[in-house]
N, C-alpha and C. Protein backbone atom coordinates (compact mmCIF):
# COMPACT_ATOMS: atom_id res chain seq x y z
N MET A 1 -11.10 19.49 -18.63
CA MET A 1 -10.41 18.37 -18.01
C MET A 1 -11.45 17.39 -17.47
N GLY A 2 -11.23 16.09 -17.67
CA GLY A 2 -12.20 15.08 -17.27
C GLY A 2 -12.09 14.69 -15.81
N ILE A 3 -13.00 13.82 -15.42
CA ILE A 3 -13.06 13.34 -14.04
C ILE A 3 -11.75 12.68 -13.62
N ALA A 4 -11.11 11.99 -14.52
CA ALA A 4 -9.88 11.26 -14.20
C ALA A 4 -8.73 12.19 -13.81
N TYR A 5 -8.84 13.47 -14.13
CA TYR A 5 -7.73 14.40 -13.92
C TYR A 5 -8.10 15.56 -13.01
N THR A 6 -9.23 15.45 -12.33
CA THR A 6 -9.69 16.52 -11.43
C THR A 6 -9.95 15.93 -10.05
N ALA A 7 -9.13 16.27 -9.10
CA ALA A 7 -9.21 15.68 -7.76
C ALA A 7 -10.53 15.99 -7.06
N GLU A 8 -11.16 17.10 -7.39
CA GLU A 8 -12.41 17.47 -6.72
C GLU A 8 -13.48 16.40 -6.89
N HIS A 9 -13.42 15.65 -7.97
CA HIS A 9 -14.39 14.58 -8.21
C HIS A 9 -14.08 13.32 -7.40
N TRP A 10 -12.96 13.29 -6.74
CA TRP A 10 -12.50 12.08 -6.05
C TRP A 10 -12.52 12.22 -4.53
N THR A 11 -13.13 13.26 -4.01
CA THR A 11 -13.09 13.47 -2.55
C THR A 11 -13.82 12.36 -1.79
N ASP A 12 -14.96 11.89 -2.29
CA ASP A 12 -15.66 10.81 -1.59
C ASP A 12 -14.81 9.54 -1.56
N PHE A 13 -14.16 9.24 -2.67
CA PHE A 13 -13.25 8.09 -2.71
C PHE A 13 -12.13 8.28 -1.69
N GLY A 14 -11.59 9.49 -1.62
CA GLY A 14 -10.51 9.77 -0.67
C GLY A 14 -10.96 9.63 0.78
N VAL A 15 -12.13 10.15 1.09
CA VAL A 15 -12.64 10.06 2.47
C VAL A 15 -12.90 8.61 2.85
N ALA A 16 -13.52 7.85 1.95
CA ALA A 16 -13.80 6.44 2.23
C ALA A 16 -12.50 5.65 2.40
N THR A 17 -11.54 5.91 1.53
CA THR A 17 -10.26 5.21 1.59
C THR A 17 -9.51 5.55 2.87
N ALA A 18 -9.50 6.81 3.24
CA ALA A 18 -8.80 7.21 4.47
C ALA A 18 -9.42 6.55 5.69
N GLY A 19 -10.72 6.54 5.77
CA GLY A 19 -11.38 5.91 6.92
C GLY A 19 -11.14 4.42 6.99
N ALA A 20 -11.27 3.75 5.86
CA ALA A 20 -11.10 2.30 5.83
C ALA A 20 -9.67 1.89 6.17
N THR A 21 -8.70 2.55 5.56
CA THR A 21 -7.31 2.14 5.78
C THR A 21 -6.80 2.54 7.16
N ALA A 22 -7.32 3.63 7.71
CA ALA A 22 -6.95 3.99 9.09
C ALA A 22 -7.45 2.93 10.06
N ALA A 23 -8.68 2.46 9.84
CA ALA A 23 -9.22 1.40 10.70
C ALA A 23 -8.42 0.11 10.55
N LEU A 24 -8.07 -0.24 9.31
CA LEU A 24 -7.29 -1.45 9.09
C LEU A 24 -5.90 -1.36 9.72
N ALA A 25 -5.28 -0.20 9.65
CA ALA A 25 -3.97 -0.02 10.28
C ALA A 25 -4.08 -0.21 11.79
N GLY A 26 -5.14 0.31 12.37
CA GLY A 26 -5.35 0.13 13.81
C GLY A 26 -5.55 -1.33 14.18
N LEU A 27 -6.32 -2.06 13.38
CA LEU A 27 -6.53 -3.48 13.64
C LEU A 27 -5.23 -4.27 13.47
N LEU A 28 -4.41 -3.85 12.52
CA LEU A 28 -3.12 -4.51 12.33
C LEU A 28 -2.24 -4.35 13.56
N VAL A 29 -2.22 -3.18 14.14
CA VAL A 29 -1.42 -2.95 15.35
C VAL A 29 -1.88 -3.88 16.46
N VAL A 30 -3.19 -4.09 16.58
CA VAL A 30 -3.71 -5.02 17.58
C VAL A 30 -3.24 -6.45 17.27
N ALA A 31 -3.35 -6.85 16.00
CA ALA A 31 -2.92 -8.20 15.61
C ALA A 31 -1.44 -8.42 15.91
N ILE A 32 -0.63 -7.43 15.61
CA ILE A 32 0.81 -7.54 15.88
C ILE A 32 1.06 -7.64 17.38
N SER A 33 0.40 -6.81 18.15
CA SER A 33 0.64 -6.81 19.59
C SER A 33 0.20 -8.12 20.23
N ILE A 34 -0.86 -8.74 19.71
CA ILE A 34 -1.32 -10.02 20.25
C ILE A 34 -0.30 -11.13 20.00
N ASN A 35 0.33 -11.12 18.84
CA ASN A 35 1.24 -12.20 18.44
C ASN A 35 2.70 -11.76 18.32
N LEU A 36 3.09 -10.71 19.01
CA LEU A 36 4.44 -10.15 18.84
C LEU A 36 5.53 -11.17 19.13
N GLU A 37 5.41 -11.92 20.20
CA GLU A 37 6.46 -12.89 20.52
C GLU A 37 6.59 -13.93 19.42
N ARG A 38 5.48 -14.40 18.91
CA ARG A 38 5.50 -15.42 17.85
C ARG A 38 6.05 -14.82 16.55
N ILE A 39 5.68 -13.59 16.22
CA ILE A 39 6.18 -12.93 15.01
C ILE A 39 7.69 -12.81 15.05
N LEU A 40 8.23 -12.48 16.21
CA LEU A 40 9.67 -12.29 16.33
C LEU A 40 10.46 -13.60 16.25
N GLN A 41 9.79 -14.73 16.31
CA GLN A 41 10.46 -16.03 16.20
C GLN A 41 10.82 -16.39 14.76
N PHE A 42 10.22 -15.70 13.80
CA PHE A 42 10.47 -15.99 12.39
C PHE A 42 11.20 -14.81 11.76
N PRO A 43 12.30 -15.07 11.04
CA PRO A 43 13.11 -13.96 10.52
C PRO A 43 12.40 -13.05 9.51
N SER A 44 11.43 -13.57 8.77
CA SER A 44 10.78 -12.75 7.75
C SER A 44 9.50 -12.08 8.23
N LEU A 45 8.95 -12.50 9.35
CA LEU A 45 7.65 -11.96 9.77
C LEU A 45 7.69 -10.52 10.28
N PRO A 46 8.75 -10.07 10.95
CA PRO A 46 8.77 -8.64 11.28
C PRO A 46 8.71 -7.76 10.03
N TYR A 47 9.40 -8.19 8.96
CA TYR A 47 9.31 -7.45 7.70
C TYR A 47 7.88 -7.49 7.18
N ARG A 48 7.24 -8.65 7.24
CA ARG A 48 5.88 -8.77 6.73
C ARG A 48 4.92 -7.88 7.51
N ALA A 49 5.14 -7.77 8.81
CA ALA A 49 4.31 -6.88 9.62
C ALA A 49 4.54 -5.42 9.21
N ALA A 50 5.79 -5.05 9.00
CA ALA A 50 6.09 -3.68 8.57
C ALA A 50 5.54 -3.42 7.17
N GLN A 51 5.68 -4.40 6.28
CA GLN A 51 5.15 -4.26 4.93
C GLN A 51 3.63 -4.03 4.98
N THR A 52 2.96 -4.75 5.84
CA THR A 52 1.51 -4.63 5.94
C THR A 52 1.11 -3.26 6.47
N LEU A 53 1.84 -2.76 7.43
CA LEU A 53 1.56 -1.42 7.93
C LEU A 53 1.76 -0.39 6.82
N ILE A 54 2.81 -0.55 6.04
CA ILE A 54 3.05 0.35 4.90
C ILE A 54 1.93 0.21 3.87
N LEU A 55 1.48 -1.02 3.62
CA LEU A 55 0.40 -1.23 2.65
C LEU A 55 -0.89 -0.52 3.08
N PHE A 56 -1.15 -0.46 4.37
CA PHE A 56 -2.34 0.26 4.84
C PHE A 56 -2.09 1.76 4.91
N ALA A 57 -0.86 2.17 5.19
CA ALA A 57 -0.55 3.60 5.28
C ALA A 57 -0.48 4.25 3.90
N LEU A 58 -0.07 3.50 2.89
CA LEU A 58 0.06 4.05 1.54
C LEU A 58 -1.25 4.62 1.01
N PRO A 59 -2.36 3.87 1.01
CA PRO A 59 -3.61 4.47 0.54
C PRO A 59 -4.15 5.53 1.49
N LEU A 60 -3.83 5.41 2.78
CA LEU A 60 -4.26 6.42 3.73
C LEU A 60 -3.62 7.77 3.40
N ILE A 61 -2.33 7.78 3.21
CA ILE A 61 -1.61 9.01 2.87
C ILE A 61 -2.06 9.53 1.51
N THR A 62 -2.21 8.62 0.55
CA THR A 62 -2.68 8.99 -0.78
C THR A 62 -4.05 9.66 -0.70
N ALA A 63 -4.94 9.08 0.09
CA ALA A 63 -6.29 9.63 0.23
C ALA A 63 -6.26 11.01 0.87
N LEU A 64 -5.41 11.19 1.86
CA LEU A 64 -5.32 12.50 2.51
C LEU A 64 -4.82 13.55 1.53
N LEU A 65 -3.86 13.18 0.69
CA LEU A 65 -3.38 14.12 -0.33
C LEU A 65 -4.46 14.42 -1.37
N LEU A 66 -5.26 13.42 -1.67
CA LEU A 66 -6.32 13.57 -2.67
C LEU A 66 -7.39 14.56 -2.23
N ILE A 67 -7.65 14.63 -0.93
CA ILE A 67 -8.74 15.49 -0.45
C ILE A 67 -8.28 16.87 0.01
N VAL A 68 -7.02 17.20 -0.22
CA VAL A 68 -6.55 18.55 0.09
C VAL A 68 -7.28 19.54 -0.82
N PRO A 69 -8.00 20.49 -0.25
CA PRO A 69 -8.78 21.42 -1.09
C PRO A 69 -7.89 22.31 -1.96
N GLY A 70 -8.27 22.43 -3.22
CA GLY A 70 -7.61 23.35 -4.12
C GLY A 70 -6.20 23.01 -4.54
N GLN A 71 -5.77 21.79 -4.27
CA GLN A 71 -4.40 21.41 -4.64
C GLN A 71 -4.29 21.31 -6.17
N PRO A 72 -3.28 21.92 -6.75
CA PRO A 72 -3.12 21.84 -8.21
C PRO A 72 -2.89 20.40 -8.68
N ARG A 73 -3.37 20.10 -9.86
CA ARG A 73 -3.23 18.78 -10.46
C ARG A 73 -1.77 18.35 -10.53
N ALA A 74 -0.90 19.25 -10.94
CA ALA A 74 0.52 18.92 -11.07
C ALA A 74 1.15 18.57 -9.72
N ALA A 75 0.74 19.28 -8.68
CA ALA A 75 1.28 18.99 -7.34
C ALA A 75 0.85 17.59 -6.90
N LEU A 76 -0.43 17.28 -7.06
CA LEU A 76 -0.93 15.96 -6.67
C LEU A 76 -0.26 14.87 -7.51
N GLY A 77 -0.12 15.09 -8.81
CA GLY A 77 0.55 14.11 -9.66
C GLY A 77 1.98 13.86 -9.21
N GLY A 78 2.71 14.92 -8.90
CA GLY A 78 4.08 14.78 -8.42
C GLY A 78 4.15 14.05 -7.09
N GLU A 79 3.21 14.35 -6.19
CA GLU A 79 3.19 13.68 -4.89
C GLU A 79 2.92 12.18 -5.05
N LEU A 80 1.95 11.83 -5.89
CA LEU A 80 1.63 10.42 -6.10
C LEU A 80 2.82 9.68 -6.72
N LEU A 81 3.45 10.31 -7.67
CA LEU A 81 4.62 9.73 -8.32
C LEU A 81 5.75 9.52 -7.31
N ALA A 82 6.04 10.53 -6.52
CA ALA A 82 7.13 10.43 -5.54
C ALA A 82 6.83 9.40 -4.45
N ILE A 83 5.61 9.39 -3.96
CA ILE A 83 5.26 8.43 -2.90
C ILE A 83 5.31 7.00 -3.45
N GLY A 84 4.79 6.80 -4.64
CA GLY A 84 4.82 5.47 -5.24
C GLY A 84 6.23 4.97 -5.47
N LEU A 85 7.08 5.82 -6.06
CA LEU A 85 8.47 5.43 -6.32
C LEU A 85 9.24 5.21 -5.03
N GLY A 86 9.13 6.15 -4.11
CA GLY A 86 9.87 6.06 -2.85
C GLY A 86 9.46 4.87 -2.00
N THR A 87 8.17 4.68 -1.85
CA THR A 87 7.67 3.57 -1.04
C THR A 87 7.98 2.23 -1.69
N GLY A 88 7.76 2.15 -3.00
CA GLY A 88 8.05 0.91 -3.71
C GLY A 88 9.51 0.53 -3.61
N ALA A 89 10.40 1.50 -3.81
CA ALA A 89 11.84 1.23 -3.72
C ALA A 89 12.21 0.80 -2.30
N PHE A 90 11.69 1.49 -1.31
CA PHE A 90 11.98 1.14 0.09
C PHE A 90 11.53 -0.28 0.39
N MET A 91 10.31 -0.64 -0.04
CA MET A 91 9.79 -1.97 0.26
C MET A 91 10.59 -3.06 -0.46
N LEU A 92 10.98 -2.82 -1.70
CA LEU A 92 11.73 -3.83 -2.44
C LEU A 92 13.15 -4.00 -1.90
N VAL A 93 13.79 -2.89 -1.53
CA VAL A 93 15.14 -2.98 -0.95
C VAL A 93 15.09 -3.68 0.40
N THR A 94 14.09 -3.33 1.22
CA THR A 94 13.95 -3.98 2.52
C THR A 94 13.69 -5.46 2.35
N ASP A 95 12.85 -5.82 1.39
CA ASP A 95 12.57 -7.23 1.13
C ASP A 95 13.84 -7.97 0.72
N ALA A 96 14.65 -7.36 -0.12
CA ALA A 96 15.88 -8.01 -0.58
C ALA A 96 16.83 -8.28 0.59
N ARG A 97 16.76 -7.47 1.61
CA ARG A 97 17.63 -7.64 2.78
C ARG A 97 17.04 -8.58 3.84
N THR A 98 15.79 -8.98 3.64
CA THR A 98 15.10 -9.83 4.61
C THR A 98 15.26 -11.29 4.21
N PRO A 99 15.76 -12.13 5.12
CA PRO A 99 15.95 -13.54 4.77
C PRO A 99 14.61 -14.25 4.56
N MET A 100 14.64 -15.26 3.72
CA MET A 100 13.45 -16.08 3.52
C MET A 100 13.32 -17.05 4.69
N SER A 101 12.09 -17.30 5.10
CA SER A 101 11.87 -18.28 6.16
C SER A 101 11.96 -19.68 5.57
N GLU A 102 12.01 -20.67 6.44
CA GLU A 102 12.10 -22.06 5.99
C GLU A 102 10.86 -22.48 5.22
N GLN A 103 9.72 -21.88 5.52
CA GLN A 103 8.47 -22.25 4.87
C GLN A 103 8.30 -21.59 3.50
N GLU A 104 9.07 -20.57 3.22
CA GLU A 104 8.92 -19.83 1.97
C GLU A 104 9.62 -20.50 0.80
N THR A 105 9.01 -20.38 -0.35
CA THR A 105 9.63 -20.76 -1.61
C THR A 105 9.77 -19.47 -2.42
N ASN A 106 10.45 -19.54 -3.54
CA ASN A 106 10.56 -18.35 -4.38
C ASN A 106 9.19 -17.88 -4.86
N ALA A 107 8.30 -18.83 -5.13
CA ALA A 107 6.95 -18.47 -5.59
C ALA A 107 6.16 -17.77 -4.50
N THR A 108 6.22 -18.29 -3.27
CA THR A 108 5.48 -17.63 -2.19
C THR A 108 6.10 -16.28 -1.86
N ARG A 109 7.40 -16.18 -1.97
CA ARG A 109 8.05 -14.88 -1.74
C ARG A 109 7.60 -13.86 -2.79
N LEU A 110 7.52 -14.31 -4.03
CA LEU A 110 7.06 -13.42 -5.10
C LEU A 110 5.65 -12.93 -4.82
N PHE A 111 4.75 -13.84 -4.45
CA PHE A 111 3.36 -13.47 -4.23
C PHE A 111 3.16 -12.67 -2.94
N SER A 112 3.82 -13.07 -1.87
CA SER A 112 3.54 -12.45 -0.57
C SER A 112 4.42 -11.25 -0.24
N ARG A 113 5.57 -11.13 -0.89
CA ARG A 113 6.48 -10.05 -0.51
C ARG A 113 6.76 -9.06 -1.63
N ILE A 114 6.86 -9.52 -2.86
CA ILE A 114 7.23 -8.63 -3.97
C ILE A 114 6.01 -8.08 -4.68
N LEU A 115 5.06 -8.94 -5.01
CA LEU A 115 3.87 -8.51 -5.75
C LEU A 115 3.08 -7.40 -5.04
N PRO A 116 2.90 -7.46 -3.71
CA PRO A 116 2.17 -6.36 -3.06
C PRO A 116 2.83 -4.99 -3.28
N SER A 117 4.14 -4.95 -3.20
CA SER A 117 4.86 -3.69 -3.40
C SER A 117 4.73 -3.20 -4.83
N VAL A 118 4.94 -4.10 -5.78
CA VAL A 118 4.91 -3.73 -7.19
C VAL A 118 3.50 -3.31 -7.61
N ALA A 119 2.49 -4.08 -7.18
CA ALA A 119 1.12 -3.78 -7.60
C ALA A 119 0.63 -2.46 -7.03
N SER A 120 0.75 -2.28 -5.73
CA SER A 120 0.21 -1.06 -5.11
C SER A 120 1.03 0.18 -5.49
N CYS A 121 2.33 0.09 -5.37
CA CYS A 121 3.17 1.25 -5.68
C CYS A 121 3.24 1.51 -7.17
N GLY A 122 3.25 0.45 -7.97
CA GLY A 122 3.29 0.62 -9.42
C GLY A 122 2.07 1.35 -9.94
N CYS A 123 0.89 0.97 -9.47
CA CYS A 123 -0.33 1.66 -9.89
C CYS A 123 -0.34 3.11 -9.41
N LEU A 124 0.23 3.35 -8.24
CA LEU A 124 0.31 4.72 -7.72
C LEU A 124 1.24 5.57 -8.59
N VAL A 125 2.35 5.00 -9.02
CA VAL A 125 3.27 5.69 -9.92
C VAL A 125 2.58 6.02 -11.24
N VAL A 126 1.85 5.05 -11.78
CA VAL A 126 1.13 5.29 -13.02
C VAL A 126 0.07 6.37 -12.83
N ALA A 127 -0.61 6.35 -11.69
CA ALA A 127 -1.61 7.40 -11.41
C ALA A 127 -0.97 8.78 -11.42
N GLY A 128 0.17 8.91 -10.75
CA GLY A 128 0.86 10.20 -10.72
C GLY A 128 1.35 10.63 -12.09
N ALA A 129 1.94 9.70 -12.82
CA ALA A 129 2.49 10.03 -14.14
C ALA A 129 1.38 10.39 -15.13
N THR A 130 0.29 9.63 -15.13
CA THR A 130 -0.79 9.93 -16.07
C THR A 130 -1.58 11.17 -15.66
N LEU A 131 -1.59 11.47 -14.38
CA LEU A 131 -2.22 12.71 -13.94
C LEU A 131 -1.41 13.91 -14.42
N LEU A 132 -0.10 13.80 -14.32
CA LEU A 132 0.78 14.87 -14.82
C LEU A 132 0.65 15.02 -16.34
N ALA A 133 0.54 13.89 -17.04
CA ALA A 133 0.46 13.92 -18.50
C ALA A 133 -0.95 14.23 -19.01
N GLU A 134 -1.93 14.19 -18.11
CA GLU A 134 -3.34 14.37 -18.47
C GLU A 134 -3.77 13.40 -19.56
N GLY A 135 -3.30 12.19 -19.46
CA GLY A 135 -3.68 11.14 -20.40
C GLY A 135 -3.25 9.79 -19.89
N GLY A 136 -4.09 8.77 -20.09
CA GLY A 136 -3.71 7.43 -19.69
C GLY A 136 -4.41 6.91 -18.45
N GLY A 137 -5.40 7.59 -17.97
CA GLY A 137 -6.18 7.07 -16.84
C GLY A 137 -6.19 7.94 -15.61
N GLY A 138 -5.13 8.67 -15.36
CA GLY A 138 -5.11 9.60 -14.23
C GLY A 138 -5.48 8.95 -12.91
N LEU A 139 -6.42 9.57 -12.22
CA LEU A 139 -6.78 9.14 -10.88
C LEU A 139 -7.51 7.80 -10.85
N TYR A 140 -7.97 7.31 -11.99
CA TYR A 140 -8.58 5.98 -12.01
C TYR A 140 -7.57 4.90 -11.62
N TRP A 141 -6.28 5.17 -11.76
CA TRP A 141 -5.25 4.22 -11.33
C TRP A 141 -5.17 4.11 -9.81
N LEU A 142 -5.79 5.03 -9.09
CA LEU A 142 -5.83 4.92 -7.63
C LEU A 142 -6.67 3.73 -7.20
N VAL A 143 -7.67 3.38 -7.98
CA VAL A 143 -8.55 2.27 -7.60
C VAL A 143 -7.76 0.96 -7.50
N PRO A 144 -7.02 0.53 -8.53
CA PRO A 144 -6.26 -0.71 -8.34
C PRO A 144 -5.12 -0.57 -7.32
N ALA A 145 -4.56 0.63 -7.18
CA ALA A 145 -3.51 0.83 -6.17
C ALA A 145 -4.07 0.59 -4.77
N VAL A 146 -5.22 1.17 -4.49
CA VAL A 146 -5.85 1.02 -3.17
C VAL A 146 -6.32 -0.41 -2.97
N LEU A 147 -6.96 -0.99 -3.97
CA LEU A 147 -7.44 -2.37 -3.83
C LEU A 147 -6.29 -3.34 -3.61
N ALA A 148 -5.20 -3.18 -4.34
CA ALA A 148 -4.04 -4.07 -4.16
C ALA A 148 -3.49 -3.93 -2.75
N ALA A 149 -3.34 -2.71 -2.27
CA ALA A 149 -2.81 -2.49 -0.92
C ALA A 149 -3.72 -3.12 0.13
N ILE A 150 -5.02 -2.93 0.00
CA ILE A 150 -5.95 -3.48 0.99
C ILE A 150 -6.00 -5.00 0.91
N ILE A 151 -6.10 -5.56 -0.28
CA ILE A 151 -6.19 -7.03 -0.41
C ILE A 151 -4.92 -7.70 0.12
N PHE A 152 -3.75 -7.24 -0.32
CA PHE A 152 -2.51 -7.85 0.16
C PHE A 152 -2.31 -7.57 1.66
N GLY A 153 -2.72 -6.40 2.11
CA GLY A 153 -2.64 -6.10 3.54
C GLY A 153 -3.51 -7.02 4.37
N LEU A 154 -4.72 -7.32 3.89
CA LEU A 154 -5.61 -8.22 4.61
C LEU A 154 -5.06 -9.65 4.62
N ILE A 155 -4.48 -10.07 3.52
CA ILE A 155 -3.86 -11.41 3.48
C ILE A 155 -2.74 -11.48 4.51
N ASN A 156 -1.88 -10.48 4.53
CA ASN A 156 -0.78 -10.46 5.50
C ASN A 156 -1.30 -10.40 6.94
N THR A 157 -2.35 -9.63 7.17
CA THR A 157 -2.92 -9.53 8.51
C THR A 157 -3.44 -10.89 8.96
N TRP A 158 -4.09 -11.62 8.05
CA TRP A 158 -4.57 -12.96 8.38
C TRP A 158 -3.40 -13.86 8.78
N VAL A 159 -2.31 -13.78 8.04
CA VAL A 159 -1.13 -14.59 8.37
C VAL A 159 -0.60 -14.21 9.75
N LEU A 160 -0.52 -12.93 10.03
CA LEU A 160 0.05 -12.46 11.30
C LEU A 160 -0.88 -12.72 12.49
N LEU A 161 -2.16 -12.86 12.23
CA LEU A 161 -3.12 -13.05 13.32
C LEU A 161 -3.50 -14.52 13.52
N VAL A 162 -3.69 -15.25 12.43
CA VAL A 162 -4.23 -16.61 12.53
C VAL A 162 -3.22 -17.68 12.11
N GLU A 163 -2.68 -17.56 10.91
CA GLU A 163 -1.82 -18.61 10.38
C GLU A 163 -0.56 -18.80 11.20
N ILE A 164 -0.09 -17.76 11.83
CA ILE A 164 1.13 -17.85 12.64
C ILE A 164 0.96 -18.81 13.83
N LEU A 165 -0.27 -19.02 14.23
CA LEU A 165 -0.54 -19.87 15.38
C LEU A 165 -0.70 -21.34 15.01
N ARG A 166 -0.69 -21.67 13.72
CA ARG A 166 -0.86 -23.07 13.30
C ARG A 166 0.44 -23.82 13.36
C-alpha cells in the first residue's frame, strides 16, 4: 500500500494541521467577541461566523482522526467520508436558511458561503472514498481540503474582524 493510503505516513501533516487550525479557531473566537454587537446587526454574519468556526474545526477534527495510532484504513476512510458528507450537508442547509444581506449578490454568496463548504467538504469526501477504494488519491485529497478550509476561513475572519467596521 502506498503513502496515499497509509495514515502512518501522514502524522506530521496531521500534527501541523491540528496545531494551526486550533490556533486559528482560537483567534476567530477573539475576533467574534471583539465585534459581536456589529456581527449581530447583519442577518447573514452570525452564519458566516459559525461557518468559519466549522471551517477551522473541520481540518482540526480530521487531523486528530488522522493521527490516531493504529487506526485501520477502512475506519479512517469511513470517518472522513461521514464527516465530509455530514458537515457539508449541514453547512449547505444552514446557508439555504440564512437570508442574504443587502450587500450580497448571488455571485458573492456563491464565493463566500457555498464554495467554502463544497470545496473543503467535497475534497474530504473524496479523500474518504478514495482511501476506502485504495485508488484515486487517498489521503492526498486532505491537502486541498485543509487548504480550502484555512483559506476560506481566513477570508471570513478578515471580514468579521476588519471589513465589518468599514
